[in-house]
PDB file of N, CA and C in Angstrom:
ATOM      1  N   UNK A   1     -11.794   5.858  25.390  1.00  0.00           N
ATOM      2  CA  UNK A   1     -13.096   5.238  25.205  1.00  0.00           C
ATOM      3  C   UNK A   1     -14.059   6.219  24.549  1.00  0.00           C
ATOM      4  N   UNK A   2     -13.924   7.483  24.925  1.00  0.00           N
ATOM      5  CA  UNK A   2     -14.779   8.503  24.342  1.00  0.00           C
ATOM      6  C   UNK A   2     -14.518   8.657  22.845  1.00  0.00           C
ATOM      7  N   UNK A   3     -13.265   8.489  22.446  1.00  0.00           N
ATOM      8  CA  UNK A   3     -12.905   8.567  21.033  1.00  0.00           C
ATOM      9  C   UNK A   3     -13.548   7.434  20.237  1.00  0.00           C
ATOM     10  N   UNK A   4     -13.596   6.255  20.802  1.00  0.00           N
ATOM     11  CA  UNK A   4     -14.218   5.110  20.135  1.00  0.00           C
ATOM     12  C   UNK A   4     -15.712   5.357  19.944  1.00  0.00           C
ATOM     13  N   UNK A   5     -16.353   5.887  20.949  1.00  0.00           N
ATOM     14  CA  UNK A   5     -17.782   6.189  20.862  1.00  0.00           C
ATOM     15  C   UNK A   5     -18.035   7.252  19.802  1.00  0.00           C
ATOM     16  N   UNK A   6     -17.201   8.280  19.765  1.00  0.00           N
ATOM     17  CA  UNK A   6     -17.359   9.339  18.765  1.00  0.00           C
ATOM     18  C   UNK A   6     -17.146   8.808  17.348  1.00  0.00           C
ATOM     19  N   UNK A   7     -16.134   7.948  17.162  1.00  0.00           N
ATOM     20  CA  UNK A   7     -15.895   7.371  15.834  1.00  0.00           C
ATOM     21  C   UNK A   7     -17.040   6.470  15.404  1.00  0.00           C
ATOM     22  N   UNK A   8     -17.592   5.705  16.342  1.00  0.00           N
ATOM     23  CA  UNK A   8     -18.729   4.851  16.016  1.00  0.00           C
ATOM     24  C   UNK A   8     -19.932   5.693  15.606  1.00  0.00           C
ATOM     25  N   UNK A   9     -20.185   6.770  16.330  1.00  0.00           N
ATOM     26  CA  UNK A   9     -21.305   7.652  16.012  1.00  0.00           C
ATOM     27  C   UNK A   9     -21.127   8.282  14.633  1.00  0.00           C
ATOM     28  N   UNK A  10     -19.931   8.773  14.340  1.00  0.00           N
ATOM     29  CA  UNK A  10     -19.679   9.373  13.038  1.00  0.00           C
ATOM     30  C   UNK A  10     -19.810   8.358  11.914  1.00  0.00           C
ATOM     31  N   UNK A  11     -19.305   7.159  12.122  1.00  0.00           N
ATOM     32  CA  UNK A  11     -19.399   6.122  11.095  1.00  0.00           C
ATOM     33  C   UNK A  11     -20.849   5.719  10.856  1.00  0.00           C
ATOM     34  N   UNK A  12     -21.621   5.634  11.914  1.00  0.00           N
ATOM     35  CA  UNK A  12     -23.019   5.241  11.772  1.00  0.00           C
ATOM     36  C   UNK A  12     -23.842   6.324  11.089  1.00  0.00           C
ATOM     37  N   UNK A  13     -23.610   7.553  11.450  1.00  0.00           N
ATOM     38  CA  UNK A  13     -24.403   8.654  10.913  1.00  0.00           C
ATOM     39  C   UNK A  13     -24.057   8.970   9.458  1.00  0.00           C
ATOM     40  N   UNK A  14     -22.815   8.779   9.089  1.00  0.00           N
ATOM     41  CA  UNK A  14     -22.380   9.173   7.757  1.00  0.00           C
ATOM     42  C   UNK A  14     -22.088   7.989   6.847  1.00  0.00           C
ATOM     43  N   UNK A  15     -22.545   6.809   7.205  1.00  0.00           N
ATOM     44  CA  UNK A  15     -22.276   5.621   6.404  1.00  0.00           C
ATOM     45  C   UNK A  15     -22.875   5.749   5.004  1.00  0.00           C
ATOM     46  N   UNK A  16     -24.032   6.356   4.883  1.00  0.00           N
ATOM     47  CA  UNK A  16     -24.667   6.529   3.583  1.00  0.00           C
ATOM     48  C   UNK A  16     -23.841   7.385   2.642  1.00  0.00           C
ATOM     49  N   UNK A  17     -23.201   8.398   3.170  1.00  0.00           N
ATOM     50  CA  UNK A  17     -22.362   9.263   2.347  1.00  0.00           C
ATOM     51  C   UNK A  17     -21.043   8.581   2.002  1.00  0.00           C
ATOM     52  N   UNK A  18     -20.434   7.949   2.976  1.00  0.00           N
ATOM     53  CA  UNK A  18     -19.130   7.326   2.776  1.00  0.00           C
ATOM     54  C   UNK A  18     -19.236   6.108   1.863  1.00  0.00           C
ATOM     55  N   UNK A  19     -20.313   5.353   1.973  1.00  0.00           N
ATOM     56  CA  UNK A  19     -20.440   4.151   1.161  1.00  0.00           C
ATOM     57  C   UNK A  19     -20.561   4.477  -0.324  1.00  0.00           C
ATOM     58  N   UNK A  20     -21.047   5.660  -0.666  1.00  0.00           N
ATOM     59  CA  UNK A  20     -21.119   6.048  -2.066  1.00  0.00           C
ATOM     60  C   UNK A  20     -19.742   6.408  -2.621  1.00  0.00           C
ATOM     61  N   UNK A  21     -18.842   6.847  -1.766  1.00  0.00           N
ATOM     62  CA  UNK A  21     -17.506   7.240  -2.195  1.00  0.00           C
ATOM     63  C   UNK A  21     -16.479   6.115  -2.099  1.00  0.00           C
ATOM     64  N   UNK A  22     -16.852   5.003  -1.488  1.00  0.00           N
ATOM     65  CA  UNK A  22     -15.902   3.918  -1.264  1.00  0.00           C
ATOM     66  C   UNK A  22     -15.306   3.354  -2.554  1.00  0.00           C
ATOM     67  N   UNK A  23     -16.079   3.097  -3.619  1.00  0.00           N
ATOM     68  CA  UNK A  23     -15.447   2.591  -4.859  1.00  0.00           C
ATOM     69  C   UNK A  23     -14.430   3.568  -5.439  1.00  0.00           C
ATOM     70  N   UNK A  24     -14.706   4.851  -5.360  1.00  0.00           N
ATOM     71  CA  UNK A  24     -13.761   5.844  -5.870  1.00  0.00           C
ATOM     72  C   UNK A  24     -12.506   5.909  -5.003  1.00  0.00           C
ATOM     73  N   UNK A  25     -12.673   5.744  -3.712  1.00  0.00           N
ATOM     74  CA  UNK A  25     -11.522   5.753  -2.813  1.00  0.00           C
ATOM     75  C   UNK A  25     -10.609   4.563  -3.103  1.00  0.00           C
ATOM     76  N   UNK A  26     -11.196   3.410  -3.385  1.00  0.00           N
ATOM     77  CA  UNK A  26     -10.400   2.231  -3.713  1.00  0.00           C
ATOM     78  C   UNK A  26      -9.641   2.458  -5.017  1.00  0.00           C
ATOM     79  N   UNK A  27     -10.309   3.038  -6.018  1.00  0.00           N
ATOM     80  CA  UNK A  27      -9.643   3.316  -7.287  1.00  0.00           C
ATOM     81  C   UNK A  27      -8.526   4.343  -7.135  1.00  0.00           C
ATOM     82  N   UNK A  28      -8.707   5.308  -6.263  1.00  0.00           N
ATOM     83  CA  UNK A  28      -7.665   6.299  -6.042  1.00  0.00           C
ATOM     84  C   UNK A  28      -6.500   5.736  -5.233  1.00  0.00           C
ATOM     85  N   UNK A  29      -6.750   4.750  -4.397  1.00  0.00           N
ATOM     86  CA  UNK A  29      -5.683   4.162  -3.602  1.00  0.00           C
ATOM     87  C   UNK A  29      -4.832   3.168  -4.386  1.00  0.00           C
ATOM     88  N   UNK A  30      -5.367   2.607  -5.474  1.00  0.00           N
ATOM     89  CA  UNK A  30      -4.627   1.611  -6.247  1.00  0.00           C
ATOM     90  C   UNK A  30      -3.298   2.149  -6.781  1.00  0.00           C
ATOM     91  N   UNK A  31      -3.263   3.303  -7.455  1.00  0.00           N
ATOM     92  CA  UNK A  31      -1.957   3.800  -7.920  1.00  0.00           C
ATOM     93  C   UNK A  31      -1.002   4.120  -6.772  1.00  0.00           C
ATOM     94  N   UNK A  32      -1.525   4.623  -5.685  1.00  0.00           N
ATOM     95  CA  UNK A  32      -0.683   4.938  -4.543  1.00  0.00           C
ATOM     96  C   UNK A  32      -0.068   3.669  -3.956  1.00  0.00           C
ATOM     97  N   UNK A  33      -0.859   2.627  -3.810  1.00  0.00           N
ATOM     98  CA  UNK A  33      -0.349   1.363  -3.294  1.00  0.00           C
ATOM     99  C   UNK A  33       0.648   0.749  -4.272  1.00  0.00           C
ATOM    100  N   UNK A  34       0.423   0.937  -5.564  1.00  0.00           N
ATOM    101  CA  UNK A  34       1.338   0.406  -6.565  1.00  0.00           C
ATOM    102  C   UNK A  34       2.697   1.101  -6.465  1.00  0.00           C
ATOM    103  N   UNK A  35       2.685   2.407  -6.337  1.00  0.00           N
ATOM    104  CA  UNK A  35       3.945   3.144  -6.249  1.00  0.00           C
ATOM    105  C   UNK A  35       4.698   2.833  -4.958  1.00  0.00           C
ATOM    106  N   UNK A  36       3.990   2.763  -3.858  1.00  0.00           N
ATOM    107  CA  UNK A  36       4.642   2.517  -2.581  1.00  0.00           C
ATOM    108  C   UNK A  36       5.020   1.054  -2.401  1.00  0.00           C
ATOM    109  N   UNK A  37       4.321   0.156  -3.039  1.00  0.00           N
ATOM    110  CA  UNK A  37       4.572  -1.267  -2.866  1.00  0.00           C
ATOM    111  C   UNK A  37       5.746  -1.789  -3.654  1.00  0.00           C
ATOM    112  N   UNK A  38       6.195  -1.074  -4.689  1.00  0.00           N
ATOM    113  CA  UNK A  38       7.290  -1.570  -5.505  1.00  0.00           C
ATOM    114  C   UNK A  38       8.650  -1.407  -4.847  1.00  0.00           C
ATOM    115  N   UNK A  39       8.739  -0.671  -3.781  1.00  0.00           N
ATOM    116  CA  UNK A  39      10.007  -0.529  -3.087  1.00  0.00           C
ATOM    117  C   UNK A  39      10.235  -1.665  -2.103  1.00  0.00           C
ATOM    118  N   UNK A  40       9.268  -2.502  -1.953  1.00  0.00           N
ATOM    119  CA  UNK A  40       9.396  -3.641  -1.040  1.00  0.00           C
ATOM    120  C   UNK A  40       9.302  -4.930  -1.843  1.00  0.00           C
ATOM    121  N   UNK A  41      10.062  -5.921  -1.493  1.00  0.00           N
ATOM    122  CA  UNK A  41       9.959  -7.216  -2.145  1.00  0.00           C
ATOM    123  C   UNK A  41      10.996  -7.439  -3.222  1.00  0.00           C
ATOM    124  N   UNK A  42      11.486  -6.439  -3.885  1.00  0.00           N
ATOM    125  CA  UNK A  42      12.548  -6.572  -4.878  1.00  0.00           C
ATOM    126  C   UNK A  42      12.166  -7.443  -6.054  1.00  0.00           C
ATOM    127  N   UNK A  43      11.680  -6.867  -7.110  1.00  0.00           N
ATOM    128  CA  UNK A  43      11.270  -7.630  -8.283  1.00  0.00           C
ATOM    129  C   UNK A  43      12.471  -8.203  -9.015  1.00  0.00           C
ATOM    130  N   UNK A  44      12.494  -9.512  -9.216  1.00  0.00           N
ATOM    131  CA  UNK A  44      13.479 -10.159 -10.064  1.00  0.00           C
ATOM    132  C   UNK A  44      14.881 -10.276  -9.495  1.00  0.00           C
ATOM    133  N   UNK A  45      15.118  -9.984  -8.257  1.00  0.00           N
ATOM    134  CA  UNK A  45      16.471 -10.057  -7.689  1.00  0.00           C
ATOM    135  C   UNK A  45      16.516 -10.969  -6.470  1.00  0.00           C
ATOM    136  N   UNK A  46      15.743 -11.989  -6.478  1.00  0.00           N
ATOM    137  CA  UNK A  46      15.713 -12.897  -5.333  1.00  0.00           C
ATOM    138  C   UNK A  46      16.924 -13.825  -5.395  1.00  0.00           C
ATOM    139  N   UNK A  47      17.795 -13.743  -4.432  1.00  0.00           N
ATOM    140  CA  UNK A  47      18.927 -14.658  -4.330  1.00  0.00           C
ATOM    141  C   UNK A  47      20.102 -14.320  -5.221  1.00  0.00           C
ATOM    142  N   UNK A  48      20.097 -13.220  -5.933  1.00  0.00           N
ATOM    143  CA  UNK A  48      21.217 -12.872  -6.807  1.00  0.00           C
ATOM    144  C   UNK A  48      22.219 -12.032  -6.034  1.00  0.00           C
ATOM    145  N   UNK A  49      23.492 -12.190  -6.381  1.00  0.00           N
ATOM    146  CA  UNK A  49      24.540 -11.342  -5.822  1.00  0.00           C
ATOM    147  C   UNK A  49      25.182 -10.573  -6.944  1.00  0.00           C
ATOM    148  N   UNK A  50      25.711  -9.429  -6.644  1.00  0.00           N
ATOM    149  CA  UNK A  50      26.337  -8.577  -7.651  1.00  0.00           C
ATOM    150  C   UNK A  50      27.841  -8.820  -7.617  1.00  0.00           C
ATOM    151  N   UNK A  51      28.328  -9.838  -8.345  1.00  0.00           N
ATOM    152  CA  UNK A  51      29.736 -10.199  -8.350  1.00  0.00           C
ATOM    153  C   UNK A  51      30.599  -9.252  -9.174  1.00  0.00           C
ATOM    154  N   UNK A  52      30.005  -8.534 -10.120  1.00  0.00           N
ATOM    155  CA  UNK A  52      30.790  -7.665 -10.976  1.00  0.00           C
ATOM    156  C   UNK A  52      31.366  -6.484 -10.210  1.00  0.00           C
ATOM    157  N   UNK A  53      30.723  -6.018  -9.162  1.00  0.00           N
ATOM    158  CA  UNK A  53      31.263  -4.893  -8.387  1.00  0.00           C
ATOM    159  C   UNK A  53      32.285  -5.368  -7.365  1.00  0.00           C
ATOM    160  N   UNK A  54      32.354  -6.678  -7.088  1.00  0.00           N
ATOM    161  CA  UNK A  54      33.285  -7.190  -6.094  1.00  0.00           C
ATOM    162  C   UNK A  54      34.547  -7.757  -6.741  1.00  0.00           C
ATOM    163  N   UNK A  55      34.687  -7.613  -8.036  1.00  0.00           N
ATOM    164  CA  UNK A  55      35.899  -8.097  -8.704  1.00  0.00           C
ATOM    165  C   UNK A  55      35.765  -9.506  -9.247  1.00  0.00           C
ATOM    166  N   UNK A  56      34.618 -10.097  -9.134  1.00  0.00           N
ATOM    167  CA  UNK A  56      34.413 -11.456  -9.648  1.00  0.00           C
ATOM    168  C   UNK A  56      34.080 -11.448 -11.121  1.00  0.00           C
ATOM    169  N   UNK A  57      34.124 -12.628 -11.730  1.00  0.00           N
ATOM    170  CA  UNK A  57      33.760 -12.751 -13.145  1.00  0.00           C
ATOM    171  C   UNK A  57      32.275 -12.995 -13.265  1.00  0.00           C
ATOM    172  N   UNK A  58      31.678 -12.393 -14.283  1.00  0.00           N
ATOM    173  CA  UNK A  58      30.268 -12.670 -14.553  1.00  0.00           C
ATOM    174  C   UNK A  58      30.174 -13.729 -15.631  1.00  0.00           C
ATOM    175  N   UNK A  59      29.205 -14.573 -15.512  1.00  0.00           N
ATOM    176  CA  UNK A  59      29.019 -15.548 -16.582  1.00  0.00           C
ATOM    177  C   UNK A  59      28.865 -16.873 -16.108  1.00  0.00           C
TER     178      UNK A  59
END
């Protein structure tokens, strides 16, 4: 509970400083989210199986 109170106090006291940096933080997080997000979801391979490695015919 003490940690919550301390975080609230810090957020309230420094909101003016942090709010000026928020647009830059969002811009800096975009490339990071792009790099980390591409390993999830699998682009373009939904429902496909790799038959060529299992001895099947492709086509």
